[in-house]
């Protein structure tokens, strides 16, 4: 259930990006769902390989090259999914950043976090003693 909720949040976040960056367009909610799915799959399968291959550049740029990789994947998905358009590399770069920020904040606000029980040796200092 949590995976479906994250997928829906990512799709809604993708629909919000064109309001911030007019150079990115999403045709419909269905296209946003497909794009969010493709982005999720590419970020799971291909992004780690790209990060490994570009590790020296990433180290030299103190990790900022990761933003370029995110932008390139965002741009690549726009070339695959019909109805999702990005004007160019810089639009994809900023679109990936805006998409990540909106998705992160929305996930933080909407997805409940499980509460862990306290450890067994935890002493509640606010408990009243009889």
N, C-alpha and C. Protein backbone atom coordinates (compact mmCIF):
# COMPACT_ATOMS: atom_id res chain seq x y z
N UNK A 1 0.82 -1.19 0.00
CA UNK A 1 0.00 0.00 0.00
C UNK A 1 0.87 1.26 0.00
N UNK A 2 1.95 1.19 0.76
CA UNK A 2 2.85 2.34 0.85
C UNK A 2 3.48 2.65 -0.51
N UNK A 3 3.80 1.61 -1.27
CA UNK A 3 4.40 1.80 -2.59
C UNK A 3 3.44 2.51 -3.54
N UNK A 4 2.16 2.15 -3.48
CA UNK A 4 1.15 2.80 -4.32
C UNK A 4 1.00 4.26 -3.90
N UNK A 5 1.03 4.53 -2.60
CA UNK A 5 0.92 5.90 -2.11
C UNK A 5 2.10 6.75 -2.58
N UNK A 6 3.29 6.20 -2.52
CA UNK A 6 4.48 6.93 -3.00
C UNK A 6 4.37 7.17 -4.50
N UNK A 7 3.89 6.20 -5.24
CA UNK A 7 3.72 6.34 -6.69
C UNK A 7 2.73 7.47 -7.00
N UNK A 8 1.61 7.52 -6.28
CA UNK A 8 0.63 8.58 -6.49
C UNK A 8 1.19 9.96 -6.11
N UNK A 9 1.94 10.02 -5.03
CA UNK A 9 2.56 11.29 -4.63
C UNK A 9 3.55 11.75 -5.69
N UNK A 10 4.34 10.83 -6.23
CA UNK A 10 5.28 11.20 -7.29
C UNK A 10 4.56 11.67 -8.55
N UNK A 11 3.45 11.03 -8.89
CA UNK A 11 2.69 11.45 -10.06
C UNK A 11 2.10 12.85 -9.85
N UNK A 12 1.56 13.10 -8.67
CA UNK A 12 1.02 14.43 -8.37
C UNK A 12 2.13 15.48 -8.33
N UNK A 13 3.29 15.10 -7.84
CA UNK A 13 4.43 16.02 -7.84
C UNK A 13 4.85 16.34 -9.27
N UNK A 14 4.78 15.36 -10.12
CA UNK A 14 5.12 15.57 -11.53
C UNK A 14 4.11 16.51 -12.20
N UNK A 15 2.85 16.44 -11.79
CA UNK A 15 1.85 17.35 -12.32
C UNK A 15 2.06 18.79 -11.82
N UNK A 16 2.73 18.94 -10.69
CA UNK A 16 2.96 20.28 -10.12
C UNK A 16 4.16 20.97 -10.76
N UNK A 17 5.08 20.21 -11.34
CA UNK A 17 6.31 20.79 -11.91
C UNK A 17 6.01 21.82 -13.01
N UNK A 18 5.08 21.59 -13.93
CA UNK A 18 4.82 22.61 -14.97
C UNK A 18 4.34 23.95 -14.43
N UNK A 19 3.77 23.98 -13.23
CA UNK A 19 3.36 25.24 -12.63
C UNK A 19 4.56 26.07 -12.19
N UNK A 20 5.66 25.39 -11.89
CA UNK A 20 6.89 26.09 -11.49
C UNK A 20 7.77 26.36 -12.71
N UNK A 21 7.88 25.37 -13.59
CA UNK A 21 8.70 25.49 -14.80
C UNK A 21 7.82 25.29 -16.03
N UNK A 22 7.49 26.35 -16.74
CA UNK A 22 6.63 26.20 -17.92
C UNK A 22 7.27 25.42 -19.05
N UNK A 23 8.59 25.20 -19.02
CA UNK A 23 9.26 24.46 -20.08
C UNK A 23 9.10 22.94 -19.93
N UNK A 24 8.42 22.51 -18.86
CA UNK A 24 8.10 21.10 -18.65
C UNK A 24 6.59 20.98 -18.75
N UNK A 25 6.11 19.98 -19.50
CA UNK A 25 4.66 19.80 -19.62
C UNK A 25 4.30 18.33 -19.46
N UNK A 26 3.17 18.12 -18.81
CA UNK A 26 2.61 16.78 -18.60
C UNK A 26 1.18 16.83 -19.13
N UNK A 27 0.85 15.95 -20.05
CA UNK A 27 -0.44 16.02 -20.74
C UNK A 27 -1.62 15.65 -19.85
N UNK A 28 -1.49 14.65 -19.00
CA UNK A 28 -2.62 14.20 -18.19
C UNK A 28 -2.12 13.48 -16.95
N UNK A 29 -3.08 13.14 -16.08
CA UNK A 29 -2.73 12.39 -14.88
C UNK A 29 -2.23 11.00 -15.24
N UNK A 30 -2.80 10.38 -16.25
CA UNK A 30 -2.34 9.07 -16.70
C UNK A 30 -0.88 9.13 -17.16
N UNK A 31 -0.55 10.16 -17.91
CA UNK A 31 0.84 10.34 -18.36
C UNK A 31 1.75 10.56 -17.15
N UNK A 32 1.27 11.29 -16.15
CA UNK A 32 2.06 11.50 -14.93
C UNK A 32 2.30 10.18 -14.20
N UNK A 33 1.30 9.31 -14.17
CA UNK A 33 1.47 8.00 -13.53
C UNK A 33 2.51 7.16 -14.28
N UNK A 34 2.42 7.14 -15.60
CA UNK A 34 3.37 6.37 -16.40
C UNK A 34 4.78 6.95 -16.23
N UNK A 35 4.88 8.27 -16.28
CA UNK A 35 6.19 8.91 -16.14
C UNK A 35 6.80 8.65 -14.78
N UNK A 36 5.98 8.73 -13.73
CA UNK A 36 6.48 8.45 -12.38
C UNK A 36 6.96 7.01 -12.27
N UNK A 37 6.24 6.10 -12.91
CA UNK A 37 6.65 4.69 -12.89
C UNK A 37 7.98 4.50 -13.62
N UNK A 38 8.11 5.08 -14.81
CA UNK A 38 9.35 4.95 -15.59
C UNK A 38 10.51 5.61 -14.85
N UNK A 39 10.27 6.80 -14.27
CA UNK A 39 11.33 7.47 -13.50
C UNK A 39 11.77 6.61 -12.32
N UNK A 40 10.80 6.03 -11.63
CA UNK A 40 11.13 5.16 -10.50
C UNK A 40 11.94 3.94 -10.92
N UNK A 41 11.56 3.33 -12.02
CA UNK A 41 12.30 2.16 -12.50
C UNK A 41 13.72 2.53 -12.93
N UNK A 42 13.86 3.64 -13.67
CA UNK A 42 15.20 4.06 -14.10
C UNK A 42 16.07 4.46 -12.91
N UNK A 43 15.47 5.13 -11.93
CA UNK A 43 16.24 5.52 -10.74
C UNK A 43 16.64 4.30 -9.92
N UNK A 44 15.86 3.24 -9.99
CA UNK A 44 16.20 2.03 -9.26
C UNK A 44 17.23 1.17 -9.99
N UNK A 45 17.10 1.08 -11.31
CA UNK A 45 17.93 0.14 -12.06
C UNK A 45 19.17 0.78 -12.71
N UNK A 46 19.02 1.95 -13.32
CA UNK A 46 20.10 2.52 -14.11
C UNK A 46 20.91 3.56 -13.35
N UNK A 47 20.26 4.33 -12.48
CA UNK A 47 20.97 5.40 -11.76
C UNK A 47 22.17 4.89 -10.95
N UNK A 48 22.06 3.77 -10.22
CA UNK A 48 23.24 3.29 -9.49
C UNK A 48 24.43 2.98 -10.42
N UNK A 49 24.14 2.42 -11.59
CA UNK A 49 25.23 2.14 -12.54
C UNK A 49 25.86 3.43 -13.05
N UNK A 50 25.04 4.44 -13.35
CA UNK A 50 25.57 5.72 -13.79
C UNK A 50 26.40 6.39 -12.69
N UNK A 51 25.94 6.28 -11.46
CA UNK A 51 26.70 6.86 -10.35
C UNK A 51 28.05 6.16 -10.18
N UNK A 52 28.07 4.85 -10.38
CA UNK A 52 29.32 4.11 -10.26
C UNK A 52 30.29 4.47 -11.39
N UNK A 53 29.78 4.59 -12.61
CA UNK A 53 30.63 4.91 -13.75
C UNK A 53 31.19 6.33 -13.63
N UNK A 54 30.38 7.25 -13.13
CA UNK A 54 30.80 8.65 -13.05
C UNK A 54 31.34 9.01 -11.67
N UNK A 55 31.73 8.03 -10.88
CA UNK A 55 32.21 8.29 -9.53
C UNK A 55 33.39 9.26 -9.48
N UNK A 56 34.39 9.15 -10.36
CA UNK A 56 35.49 10.13 -10.28
C UNK A 56 35.03 11.58 -10.50
N UNK A 57 34.12 11.78 -11.47
CA UNK A 57 33.61 13.13 -11.71
C UNK A 57 32.77 13.60 -10.53
N UNK A 58 32.01 12.70 -9.95
CA UNK A 58 31.18 13.04 -8.80
C UNK A 58 32.05 13.44 -7.61
N UNK A 59 33.14 12.74 -7.42
CA UNK A 59 34.04 13.09 -6.32
C UNK A 59 34.70 14.44 -6.58
N UNK A 60 35.15 14.68 -7.82
CA UNK A 60 35.78 15.96 -8.15
C UNK A 60 34.83 17.15 -7.97
N UNK A 61 33.55 16.94 -8.25
CA UNK A 61 32.57 18.02 -8.13
C UNK A 61 31.87 18.02 -6.78
N UNK A 62 32.39 17.23 -5.84
CA UNK A 62 31.84 17.14 -4.48
C UNK A 62 30.36 16.72 -4.48
N UNK A 63 30.00 15.85 -5.39
CA UNK A 63 28.66 15.29 -5.45
C UNK A 63 27.68 16.05 -6.32
N UNK A 64 28.07 17.20 -6.83
CA UNK A 64 27.14 18.00 -7.63
C UNK A 64 26.83 17.36 -8.99
N UNK A 65 27.69 16.49 -9.47
CA UNK A 65 27.43 15.82 -10.74
C UNK A 65 26.22 14.90 -10.65
N UNK A 66 25.84 14.52 -9.45
CA UNK A 66 24.63 13.71 -9.25
C UNK A 66 23.41 14.46 -9.75
N UNK A 67 23.40 15.78 -9.60
CA UNK A 67 22.30 16.59 -10.10
C UNK A 67 22.22 16.53 -11.62
N UNK A 68 23.38 16.47 -12.27
CA UNK A 68 23.42 16.35 -13.72
C UNK A 68 22.86 14.99 -14.15
N UNK A 69 23.20 13.95 -13.43
CA UNK A 69 22.68 12.61 -13.73
C UNK A 69 21.16 12.60 -13.57
N UNK A 70 20.66 13.22 -12.51
CA UNK A 70 19.20 13.29 -12.32
C UNK A 70 18.54 14.03 -13.47
N UNK A 71 19.14 15.13 -13.90
CA UNK A 71 18.60 15.89 -15.02
C UNK A 71 18.62 15.09 -16.31
N UNK A 72 19.70 14.35 -16.54
CA UNK A 72 19.78 13.53 -17.75
C UNK A 72 18.74 12.41 -17.75
N UNK A 73 18.50 11.79 -16.61
CA UNK A 73 17.47 10.76 -16.52
C UNK A 73 16.08 11.36 -16.73
N UNK A 74 15.85 12.53 -16.18
CA UNK A 74 14.57 13.23 -16.36
C UNK A 74 14.35 13.54 -17.84
N UNK A 75 15.39 14.00 -18.49
CA UNK A 75 15.34 14.33 -19.92
C UNK A 75 15.12 13.06 -20.76
N UNK A 76 15.80 11.98 -20.37
CA UNK A 76 15.67 10.71 -21.08
C UNK A 76 14.24 10.17 -20.99
N UNK A 77 13.64 10.28 -19.82
CA UNK A 77 12.26 9.82 -19.65
C UNK A 77 11.32 10.66 -20.52
N UNK A 78 11.62 11.94 -20.66
CA UNK A 78 10.79 12.80 -21.52
C UNK A 78 10.88 12.37 -22.98
N UNK A 79 12.00 11.79 -23.37
CA UNK A 79 12.12 11.32 -24.75
C UNK A 79 11.43 9.97 -24.95
N UNK A 80 11.20 9.23 -23.88
CA UNK A 80 10.55 7.92 -23.96
C UNK A 80 9.04 8.03 -23.87
N UNK A 81 8.55 8.78 -22.90
CA UNK A 81 7.12 8.83 -22.60
C UNK A 81 6.46 9.91 -23.46
N UNK A 82 5.49 9.49 -24.25
CA UNK A 82 4.73 10.42 -25.09
C UNK A 82 3.75 11.20 -24.21
N UNK A 83 3.76 12.51 -24.32
CA UNK A 83 2.89 13.36 -23.50
C UNK A 83 3.62 14.04 -22.37
N UNK A 84 4.85 13.64 -22.12
CA UNK A 84 5.71 14.30 -21.13
C UNK A 84 6.83 14.97 -21.90
N UNK A 85 6.88 16.30 -21.84
CA UNK A 85 7.84 17.05 -22.64
C UNK A 85 8.71 17.93 -21.76
N UNK A 86 9.98 17.99 -22.11
CA UNK A 86 10.95 18.87 -21.46
C UNK A 86 11.68 19.60 -22.58
N UNK A 87 11.83 20.92 -22.43
CA UNK A 87 12.37 21.76 -23.52
C UNK A 87 13.84 21.48 -23.81
N UNK A 88 14.63 21.17 -22.83
CA UNK A 88 16.06 20.95 -23.06
C UNK A 88 16.73 20.47 -21.79
N UNK A 89 18.07 20.44 -21.83
CA UNK A 89 18.80 19.92 -20.68
C UNK A 89 18.58 20.75 -19.43
N UNK A 90 18.67 22.06 -19.54
CA UNK A 90 18.54 22.91 -18.35
C UNK A 90 17.13 22.84 -17.78
N UNK A 91 16.15 22.70 -18.63
CA UNK A 91 14.79 22.51 -18.14
C UNK A 91 14.68 21.17 -17.41
N UNK A 92 15.33 20.15 -17.93
CA UNK A 92 15.34 18.85 -17.27
C UNK A 92 16.10 18.92 -15.95
N UNK A 93 17.21 19.63 -15.93
CA UNK A 93 18.01 19.78 -14.72
C UNK A 93 17.18 20.42 -13.61
N UNK A 94 16.57 21.57 -13.91
CA UNK A 94 15.77 22.26 -12.89
C UNK A 94 14.47 21.51 -12.62
N UNK A 95 13.92 20.86 -13.63
CA UNK A 95 12.71 20.08 -13.43
C UNK A 95 12.94 18.91 -12.48
N UNK A 96 14.09 18.26 -12.60
CA UNK A 96 14.40 17.15 -11.70
C UNK A 96 14.56 17.64 -10.27
N UNK A 97 15.15 18.81 -10.10
CA UNK A 97 15.32 19.37 -8.76
C UNK A 97 13.97 19.74 -8.16
N UNK A 98 13.13 20.42 -8.93
CA UNK A 98 11.81 20.82 -8.44
C UNK A 98 10.96 19.58 -8.14
N UNK A 99 11.01 18.60 -9.04
CA UNK A 99 10.26 17.35 -8.84
C UNK A 99 10.70 16.65 -7.55
N UNK A 100 12.00 16.59 -7.32
CA UNK A 100 12.51 15.94 -6.12
C UNK A 100 12.08 16.67 -4.86
N UNK A 101 12.15 18.00 -4.89
CA UNK A 101 11.76 18.78 -3.71
C UNK A 101 10.27 18.63 -3.40
N UNK A 102 9.43 18.76 -4.41
CA UNK A 102 7.98 18.63 -4.20
C UNK A 102 7.64 17.23 -3.71
N UNK A 103 8.24 16.23 -4.33
CA UNK A 103 7.97 14.85 -3.95
C UNK A 103 8.44 14.56 -2.52
N UNK A 104 9.59 15.07 -2.17
CA UNK A 104 10.14 14.84 -0.83
C UNK A 104 9.26 15.48 0.24
N UNK A 105 8.86 16.73 0.03
CA UNK A 105 8.03 17.42 1.01
C UNK A 105 6.66 16.76 1.10
N UNK A 106 6.06 16.41 -0.03
CA UNK A 106 4.75 15.77 -0.02
C UNK A 106 4.81 14.41 0.67
N UNK A 107 5.85 13.64 0.42
CA UNK A 107 5.99 12.34 1.08
C UNK A 107 6.17 12.51 2.58
N UNK A 108 6.93 13.50 2.96
CA UNK A 108 7.16 13.76 4.39
C UNK A 108 5.86 14.14 5.08
N UNK A 109 5.02 14.91 4.39
CA UNK A 109 3.77 15.36 4.99
C UNK A 109 2.67 14.30 4.97
N UNK A 110 2.62 13.46 3.93
CA UNK A 110 1.47 12.58 3.74
C UNK A 110 1.67 11.13 4.16
N UNK A 111 2.90 10.66 4.20
CA UNK A 111 3.12 9.25 4.52
C UNK A 111 3.44 9.13 6.01
N UNK A 112 2.62 8.38 6.73
CA UNK A 112 2.88 8.23 8.17
C UNK A 112 4.14 7.38 8.41
N UNK A 113 4.89 7.78 9.37
CA UNK A 113 6.11 7.05 9.74
C UNK A 113 5.78 6.07 10.87
N UNK A 114 6.30 4.87 10.80
CA UNK A 114 6.03 3.92 11.89
C UNK A 114 6.76 4.35 13.16
N UNK A 115 6.06 4.23 14.27
CA UNK A 115 6.67 4.57 15.55
C UNK A 115 7.27 3.30 16.14
N UNK A 116 8.52 3.38 16.47
CA UNK A 116 9.20 2.24 17.07
C UNK A 116 8.93 2.22 18.56
N UNK A 117 8.77 1.02 19.12
CA UNK A 117 8.59 0.96 20.58
C UNK A 117 9.91 1.32 21.27
N UNK A 118 9.81 1.84 22.48
CA UNK A 118 11.05 2.17 23.19
C UNK A 118 11.83 0.91 23.55
N UNK A 119 13.14 1.05 23.70
CA UNK A 119 13.93 -0.13 24.09
C UNK A 119 13.51 -0.63 25.47
N UNK A 120 13.86 -1.89 25.75
CA UNK A 120 13.42 -2.49 27.01
C UNK A 120 14.03 -1.82 28.23
N UNK A 121 15.21 -1.24 28.09
CA UNK A 121 15.85 -0.61 29.24
C UNK A 121 15.48 0.88 29.37
N UNK A 122 14.46 1.33 28.65
CA UNK A 122 14.02 2.72 28.68
C UNK A 122 13.29 2.99 29.98
N UNK A 123 13.67 4.07 30.63
CA UNK A 123 13.02 4.48 31.87
C UNK A 123 12.26 5.78 31.58
N UNK A 124 10.96 5.75 31.80
CA UNK A 124 10.14 6.92 31.56
C UNK A 124 10.25 7.85 32.77
N UNK A 125 10.90 8.98 32.58
CA UNK A 125 11.12 9.89 33.71
C UNK A 125 9.87 10.68 34.06
N UNK A 126 8.84 10.63 33.23
CA UNK A 126 7.61 11.37 33.53
C UNK A 126 6.58 10.49 34.24
N UNK A 127 6.86 9.20 34.36
CA UNK A 127 5.91 8.30 35.03
C UNK A 127 5.89 8.58 36.53
N UNK A 128 4.70 8.54 37.11
CA UNK A 128 4.57 8.76 38.56
C UNK A 128 4.81 7.43 39.29
N UNK A 129 5.50 7.58 40.34
CA UNK A 129 5.76 6.40 41.16
C UNK A 129 4.78 6.37 42.32
N UNK A 130 4.36 5.16 42.70
CA UNK A 130 3.44 5.02 43.82
C UNK A 130 4.15 4.68 45.08
